[in-house]
Amino acid sequence: MPDRATATASCFDPAAVARARKLLHRNRDALPRMAELYKLLANPVRLKILLILVDSERLCVGDFAHVVELSIAATSHQLKLLKDAGWLNTEHDGKLVYYRIASEGLKTALLGDLHLLSQ
């Protein structure tokens, strides 16, 4: 907590501080999960995989490996991280495993991010 002398030396709006504290308190359980979400999104390969799935119904590991130009093992590792986070679902077809985005909300968020960055 900051020293009161420091906090009073600059602007201080008690109502705004109270609202901010209330917001953080209300979302205290979600904040660590949000941090993990952004940590996963910080990897360009995982972002590519997710963006590909926004536009594709489903793809298998080999398809992803060709697109992101990584080995099957490296691509599988990235897919596993996304699946373990709950962002991807799998569908088995014989020996093949297909991946798809688990949530429409995630698709919407990714498209929103692209839109935001295009402005």
N, C-alpha and C. Protein backbone atom coordinates (compact mmCIF):
# COMPACT_ATOMS: atom_id res chain seq x y z
N MET A 1 0.86 -1.17 0.00
CA MET A 1 0.00 0.00 0.00
C MET A 1 0.90 1.23 0.00
N PRO A 2 0.59 2.25 -0.83
CA PRO A 2 1.45 3.42 -0.88
C PRO A 2 1.39 4.23 0.41
N ASP A 3 2.47 4.94 0.64
CA ASP A 3 2.55 5.84 1.78
C ASP A 3 1.50 6.93 1.60
N ARG A 4 0.77 7.24 2.66
CA ARG A 4 -0.31 8.24 2.55
C ARG A 4 0.22 9.60 2.08
N ALA A 5 1.43 9.95 2.48
CA ALA A 5 2.00 11.24 2.04
C ALA A 5 2.17 11.25 0.53
N THR A 6 2.59 10.11 -0.04
CA THR A 6 2.76 10.01 -1.49
C THR A 6 1.40 10.08 -2.18
N ALA A 7 0.41 9.37 -1.63
CA ALA A 7 -0.91 9.35 -2.25
C ALA A 7 -1.58 10.71 -2.20
N THR A 8 -1.32 11.49 -1.17
CA THR A 8 -1.97 12.80 -1.07
C THR A 8 -1.20 13.87 -1.83
N ALA A 9 0.06 13.59 -2.21
CA ALA A 9 0.85 14.58 -2.94
C ALA A 9 0.34 14.76 -4.36
N SER A 10 -0.29 13.73 -4.92
CA SER A 10 -0.85 13.84 -6.26
C SER A 10 -2.36 13.89 -6.15
N CYS A 11 -3.03 13.78 -7.27
CA CYS A 11 -4.50 13.82 -7.23
C CYS A 11 -5.02 12.62 -6.45
N PHE A 12 -6.16 12.79 -5.83
CA PHE A 12 -6.78 11.71 -5.07
C PHE A 12 -8.27 11.92 -5.08
N ASP A 13 -8.97 10.99 -5.70
CA ASP A 13 -10.43 11.03 -5.77
C ASP A 13 -10.94 9.83 -4.99
N PRO A 14 -11.37 10.04 -3.74
CA PRO A 14 -11.80 8.92 -2.90
C PRO A 14 -12.88 8.05 -3.54
N ALA A 15 -13.81 8.65 -4.26
CA ALA A 15 -14.89 7.87 -4.89
C ALA A 15 -14.32 6.98 -6.00
N ALA A 16 -13.40 7.53 -6.80
CA ALA A 16 -12.80 6.74 -7.89
C ALA A 16 -11.95 5.61 -7.32
N VAL A 17 -11.22 5.88 -6.25
CA VAL A 17 -10.41 4.84 -5.61
C VAL A 17 -11.30 3.75 -5.04
N ALA A 18 -12.39 4.13 -4.41
CA ALA A 18 -13.33 3.15 -3.84
C ALA A 18 -13.93 2.28 -4.94
N ARG A 19 -14.29 2.89 -6.08
CA ARG A 19 -14.85 2.12 -7.20
C ARG A 19 -13.81 1.15 -7.75
N ALA A 20 -12.58 1.62 -7.90
CA ALA A 20 -11.51 0.77 -8.43
C ALA A 20 -11.24 -0.41 -7.49
N ARG A 21 -11.19 -0.14 -6.20
CA ARG A 21 -10.97 -1.22 -5.23
C ARG A 21 -12.11 -2.23 -5.26
N LYS A 22 -13.35 -1.73 -5.38
CA LYS A 22 -14.52 -2.60 -5.43
C LYS A 22 -14.46 -3.49 -6.69
N LEU A 23 -14.08 -2.90 -7.81
CA LEU A 23 -13.95 -3.65 -9.06
C LEU A 23 -12.92 -4.78 -8.92
N LEU A 24 -11.76 -4.45 -8.36
CA LEU A 24 -10.72 -5.46 -8.18
C LEU A 24 -11.16 -6.54 -7.19
N HIS A 25 -11.85 -6.15 -6.15
CA HIS A 25 -12.33 -7.12 -5.17
C HIS A 25 -13.35 -8.07 -5.80
N ARG A 26 -14.27 -7.50 -6.59
CA ARG A 26 -15.31 -8.31 -7.25
C ARG A 26 -14.69 -9.33 -8.21
N ASN A 27 -13.58 -8.97 -8.81
CA ASN A 27 -12.96 -9.82 -9.82
C ASN A 27 -11.69 -10.51 -9.34
N ARG A 28 -11.50 -10.57 -8.03
CA ARG A 28 -10.24 -11.10 -7.48
C ARG A 28 -9.98 -12.54 -7.89
N ASP A 29 -11.02 -13.35 -8.05
CA ASP A 29 -10.82 -14.75 -8.46
C ASP A 29 -10.51 -14.87 -9.95
N ALA A 30 -11.00 -13.95 -10.74
CA ALA A 30 -10.78 -14.01 -12.19
C ALA A 30 -9.43 -13.44 -12.60
N LEU A 31 -8.86 -12.55 -11.80
CA LEU A 31 -7.61 -11.90 -12.21
C LEU A 31 -6.46 -12.86 -12.47
N PRO A 32 -6.20 -13.85 -11.63
CA PRO A 32 -5.12 -14.80 -11.95
C PRO A 32 -5.40 -15.58 -13.24
N ARG A 33 -6.68 -15.93 -13.47
CA ARG A 33 -7.03 -16.63 -14.71
C ARG A 33 -6.83 -15.72 -15.92
N MET A 34 -7.15 -14.45 -15.77
CA MET A 34 -6.91 -13.49 -16.86
C MET A 34 -5.43 -13.38 -17.17
N ALA A 35 -4.61 -13.35 -16.13
CA ALA A 35 -3.16 -13.27 -16.33
C ALA A 35 -2.68 -14.50 -17.10
N GLU A 36 -3.20 -15.68 -16.76
CA GLU A 36 -2.82 -16.90 -17.49
C GLU A 36 -3.29 -16.83 -18.94
N LEU A 37 -4.48 -16.31 -19.16
CA LEU A 37 -5.01 -16.15 -20.51
C LEU A 37 -4.07 -15.30 -21.35
N TYR A 38 -3.67 -14.16 -20.83
CA TYR A 38 -2.79 -13.27 -21.59
C TYR A 38 -1.40 -13.86 -21.75
N LYS A 39 -0.96 -14.66 -20.79
CA LYS A 39 0.33 -15.32 -20.91
C LYS A 39 0.28 -16.31 -22.08
N LEU A 40 -0.81 -17.06 -22.18
CA LEU A 40 -0.96 -17.99 -23.30
C LEU A 40 -1.03 -17.26 -24.63
N LEU A 41 -1.72 -16.14 -24.65
CA LEU A 41 -1.86 -15.36 -25.89
C LEU A 41 -0.58 -14.65 -26.29
N ALA A 42 0.37 -14.54 -25.39
CA ALA A 42 1.62 -13.83 -25.70
C ALA A 42 2.52 -14.62 -26.64
N ASN A 43 2.21 -15.88 -26.89
CA ASN A 43 3.01 -16.70 -27.79
C ASN A 43 2.45 -16.60 -29.20
N PRO A 44 3.26 -16.16 -30.17
CA PRO A 44 2.76 -15.98 -31.55
C PRO A 44 2.23 -17.27 -32.18
N VAL A 45 2.83 -18.41 -31.89
CA VAL A 45 2.36 -19.67 -32.47
C VAL A 45 0.97 -20.00 -31.95
N ARG A 46 0.75 -19.83 -30.65
CA ARG A 46 -0.58 -20.13 -30.10
C ARG A 46 -1.62 -19.15 -30.66
N LEU A 47 -1.23 -17.91 -30.84
CA LEU A 47 -2.15 -16.94 -31.45
C LEU A 47 -2.50 -17.35 -32.87
N LYS A 48 -1.50 -17.78 -33.63
CA LYS A 48 -1.76 -18.24 -35.00
C LYS A 48 -2.74 -19.40 -35.00
N ILE A 49 -2.52 -20.36 -34.11
CA ILE A 49 -3.40 -21.53 -34.03
C ILE A 49 -4.83 -21.09 -33.75
N LEU A 50 -4.99 -20.21 -32.78
CA LEU A 50 -6.34 -19.75 -32.43
C LEU A 50 -6.99 -18.99 -33.58
N LEU A 51 -6.21 -18.13 -34.24
CA LEU A 51 -6.78 -17.37 -35.36
C LEU A 51 -7.16 -18.28 -36.52
N ILE A 52 -6.36 -19.30 -36.77
CA ILE A 52 -6.70 -20.26 -37.81
C ILE A 52 -8.04 -20.91 -37.49
N LEU A 53 -8.24 -21.26 -36.22
CA LEU A 53 -9.47 -21.94 -35.83
C LEU A 53 -10.68 -21.03 -35.80
N VAL A 54 -10.46 -19.73 -35.74
CA VAL A 54 -11.59 -18.80 -35.84
C VAL A 54 -12.22 -18.95 -37.22
N ASP A 55 -11.36 -19.20 -38.22
CA ASP A 55 -11.83 -19.27 -39.60
C ASP A 55 -12.10 -20.70 -40.08
N SER A 56 -11.53 -21.70 -39.40
CA SER A 56 -11.66 -23.10 -39.83
C SER A 56 -12.54 -23.86 -38.84
N GLU A 57 -13.26 -24.81 -39.36
CA GLU A 57 -14.11 -25.64 -38.50
C GLU A 57 -13.26 -26.49 -37.56
N ARG A 58 -12.26 -27.16 -38.13
CA ARG A 58 -11.38 -28.00 -37.33
C ARG A 58 -10.15 -28.32 -38.17
N LEU A 59 -9.05 -28.60 -37.49
CA LEU A 59 -7.81 -29.01 -38.15
C LEU A 59 -7.11 -30.04 -37.29
N CYS A 60 -6.29 -30.86 -37.94
CA CYS A 60 -5.48 -31.83 -37.20
C CYS A 60 -4.07 -31.27 -37.01
N VAL A 61 -3.29 -31.94 -36.19
CA VAL A 61 -1.94 -31.47 -35.85
C VAL A 61 -1.10 -31.26 -37.10
N GLY A 62 -1.17 -32.20 -38.03
CA GLY A 62 -0.37 -32.08 -39.25
C GLY A 62 -0.71 -30.83 -40.05
N ASP A 63 -2.00 -30.50 -40.13
CA ASP A 63 -2.41 -29.29 -40.83
C ASP A 63 -1.80 -28.05 -40.16
N PHE A 64 -1.92 -27.99 -38.85
CA PHE A 64 -1.35 -26.86 -38.11
C PHE A 64 0.16 -26.77 -38.31
N ALA A 65 0.84 -27.91 -38.23
CA ALA A 65 2.29 -27.93 -38.36
C ALA A 65 2.72 -27.35 -39.70
N HIS A 66 2.00 -27.68 -40.77
CA HIS A 66 2.32 -27.12 -42.08
C HIS A 66 2.11 -25.61 -42.12
N VAL A 67 1.04 -25.15 -41.52
CA VAL A 67 0.72 -23.71 -41.57
C VAL A 67 1.70 -22.90 -40.72
N VAL A 68 1.97 -23.36 -39.50
CA VAL A 68 2.84 -22.57 -38.60
C VAL A 68 4.32 -22.90 -38.78
N GLU A 69 4.59 -23.87 -39.67
CA GLU A 69 5.96 -24.25 -40.02
C GLU A 69 6.78 -24.69 -38.82
N LEU A 70 6.19 -25.58 -38.03
CA LEU A 70 6.88 -26.20 -36.90
C LEU A 70 6.78 -27.71 -37.06
N SER A 71 7.56 -28.42 -36.26
CA SER A 71 7.47 -29.87 -36.26
C SER A 71 6.13 -30.29 -35.66
N ILE A 72 5.76 -31.53 -35.91
CA ILE A 72 4.54 -32.08 -35.32
C ILE A 72 4.64 -32.02 -33.80
N ALA A 73 5.81 -32.38 -33.25
CA ALA A 73 5.98 -32.39 -31.79
C ALA A 73 5.81 -30.99 -31.20
N ALA A 74 6.43 -29.99 -31.81
CA ALA A 74 6.32 -28.62 -31.30
C ALA A 74 4.89 -28.10 -31.42
N THR A 75 4.26 -28.42 -32.53
CA THR A 75 2.87 -28.00 -32.73
C THR A 75 1.95 -28.69 -31.73
N SER A 76 2.16 -29.98 -31.51
CA SER A 76 1.37 -30.73 -30.53
C SER A 76 1.49 -30.13 -29.14
N HIS A 77 2.69 -29.70 -28.80
CA HIS A 77 2.89 -29.08 -27.48
C HIS A 77 2.06 -27.81 -27.34
N GLN A 78 2.06 -26.97 -28.37
CA GLN A 78 1.28 -25.73 -28.32
C GLN A 78 -0.22 -26.04 -28.24
N LEU A 79 -0.67 -27.02 -29.00
CA LEU A 79 -2.08 -27.42 -28.96
C LEU A 79 -2.46 -27.95 -27.58
N LYS A 80 -1.57 -28.72 -26.98
CA LYS A 80 -1.84 -29.26 -25.64
C LYS A 80 -2.01 -28.14 -24.62
N LEU A 81 -1.16 -27.12 -24.69
CA LEU A 81 -1.27 -25.99 -23.76
C LEU A 81 -2.63 -25.31 -23.91
N LEU A 82 -3.06 -25.11 -25.14
CA LEU A 82 -4.35 -24.47 -25.38
C LEU A 82 -5.51 -25.36 -24.94
N LYS A 83 -5.38 -26.65 -25.18
CA LYS A 83 -6.42 -27.60 -24.76
C LYS A 83 -6.49 -27.67 -23.23
N ASP A 84 -5.33 -27.74 -22.58
CA ASP A 84 -5.30 -27.80 -21.11
C ASP A 84 -5.90 -26.55 -20.48
N ALA A 85 -5.81 -25.42 -21.18
CA ALA A 85 -6.40 -24.18 -20.68
C ALA A 85 -7.91 -24.15 -20.90
N GLY A 86 -8.42 -25.13 -21.64
CA GLY A 86 -9.86 -25.19 -21.88
C GLY A 86 -10.31 -24.44 -23.12
N TRP A 87 -9.37 -24.02 -23.93
CA TRP A 87 -9.70 -23.22 -25.11
C TRP A 87 -9.99 -24.04 -26.34
N LEU A 88 -9.51 -25.30 -26.35
CA LEU A 88 -9.73 -26.15 -27.51
C LEU A 88 -10.43 -27.43 -27.10
N ASN A 89 -11.26 -27.92 -27.98
CA ASN A 89 -11.86 -29.24 -27.85
C ASN A 89 -11.23 -30.15 -28.90
N THR A 90 -11.27 -31.44 -28.64
CA THR A 90 -10.74 -32.39 -29.61
C THR A 90 -11.83 -33.33 -30.08
N GLU A 91 -11.61 -33.82 -31.27
CA GLU A 91 -12.52 -34.79 -31.88
C GLU A 91 -11.64 -35.87 -32.51
N HIS A 92 -11.89 -37.11 -32.17
CA HIS A 92 -11.08 -38.22 -32.69
C HIS A 92 -11.76 -38.85 -33.89
N ASP A 93 -10.95 -39.10 -34.91
CA ASP A 93 -11.43 -39.78 -36.11
C ASP A 93 -10.37 -40.82 -36.46
N GLY A 94 -10.57 -42.02 -35.94
CA GLY A 94 -9.54 -43.05 -36.07
C GLY A 94 -8.31 -42.63 -35.29
N LYS A 95 -7.16 -42.58 -35.96
CA LYS A 95 -5.92 -42.17 -35.30
C LYS A 95 -5.73 -40.66 -35.30
N LEU A 96 -6.53 -39.96 -36.07
CA LEU A 96 -6.38 -38.51 -36.16
C LEU A 96 -7.14 -37.81 -35.04
N VAL A 97 -6.54 -36.73 -34.56
CA VAL A 97 -7.18 -35.88 -33.56
C VAL A 97 -7.37 -34.51 -34.19
N TYR A 98 -8.59 -34.04 -34.20
CA TYR A 98 -8.92 -32.72 -34.75
C TYR A 98 -9.17 -31.76 -33.59
N TYR A 99 -8.78 -30.52 -33.80
CA TYR A 99 -8.95 -29.49 -32.78
C TYR A 99 -9.91 -28.43 -33.29
N ARG A 100 -10.69 -27.91 -32.36
CA ARG A 100 -11.61 -26.80 -32.66
C ARG A 100 -11.67 -25.89 -31.43
N ILE A 101 -12.05 -24.65 -31.65
CA ILE A 101 -12.19 -23.71 -30.53
C ILE A 101 -13.37 -24.14 -29.67
N ALA A 102 -13.17 -24.11 -28.37
CA ALA A 102 -14.16 -24.61 -27.42
C ALA A 102 -15.30 -23.64 -27.17
N SER A 103 -15.10 -22.37 -27.47
CA SER A 103 -16.09 -21.38 -27.06
C SER A 103 -16.30 -20.30 -28.12
N GLU A 104 -17.53 -20.00 -28.37
CA GLU A 104 -17.85 -18.89 -29.28
C GLU A 104 -17.35 -17.56 -28.71
N GLY A 105 -17.34 -17.47 -27.37
CA GLY A 105 -16.85 -16.25 -26.72
C GLY A 105 -15.39 -15.99 -27.06
N LEU A 106 -14.59 -17.05 -27.12
CA LEU A 106 -13.18 -16.89 -27.48
C LEU A 106 -13.05 -16.42 -28.92
N LYS A 107 -13.85 -16.99 -29.82
CA LYS A 107 -13.83 -16.55 -31.22
C LYS A 107 -14.18 -15.06 -31.30
N THR A 108 -15.22 -14.67 -30.59
CA THR A 108 -15.66 -13.27 -30.59
C THR A 108 -14.55 -12.36 -30.06
N ALA A 109 -13.89 -12.78 -28.98
CA ALA A 109 -12.82 -11.97 -28.39
C ALA A 109 -11.65 -11.82 -29.37
N LEU A 110 -11.27 -12.90 -30.03
CA LEU A 110 -10.16 -12.84 -30.98
C LEU A 110 -10.50 -11.94 -32.16
N LEU A 111 -11.70 -12.06 -32.67
CA LEU A 111 -12.12 -11.20 -33.77
C LEU A 111 -12.18 -9.74 -33.32
N GLY A 112 -12.63 -9.52 -32.09
CA GLY A 112 -12.66 -8.15 -31.54
C GLY A 112 -11.27 -7.58 -31.42
N ASP A 113 -10.30 -8.40 -31.00
CA ASP A 113 -8.91 -7.93 -30.91
C ASP A 113 -8.39 -7.55 -32.29
N LEU A 114 -8.67 -8.38 -33.29
CA LEU A 114 -8.22 -8.05 -34.64
C LEU A 114 -8.84 -6.75 -35.13
N HIS A 115 -10.12 -6.59 -34.84
CA HIS A 115 -10.81 -5.36 -35.24
C HIS A 115 -10.19 -4.14 -34.54
N LEU A 116 -9.93 -4.27 -33.26
CA LEU A 116 -9.33 -3.18 -32.49
C LEU A 116 -7.98 -2.78 -33.08
N LEU A 117 -7.17 -3.76 -33.43
CA LEU A 117 -5.84 -3.48 -33.95
C LEU A 117 -5.86 -2.95 -35.37
N SER A 118 -6.95 -3.17 -36.10
CA SER A 118 -7.03 -2.69 -37.48
C SER A 118 -7.47 -1.24 -37.56
N GLN A 119 -7.87 -0.66 -36.45
CA GLN A 119 -8.35 0.73 -36.46
C GLN A 119 -7.20 1.71 -36.38
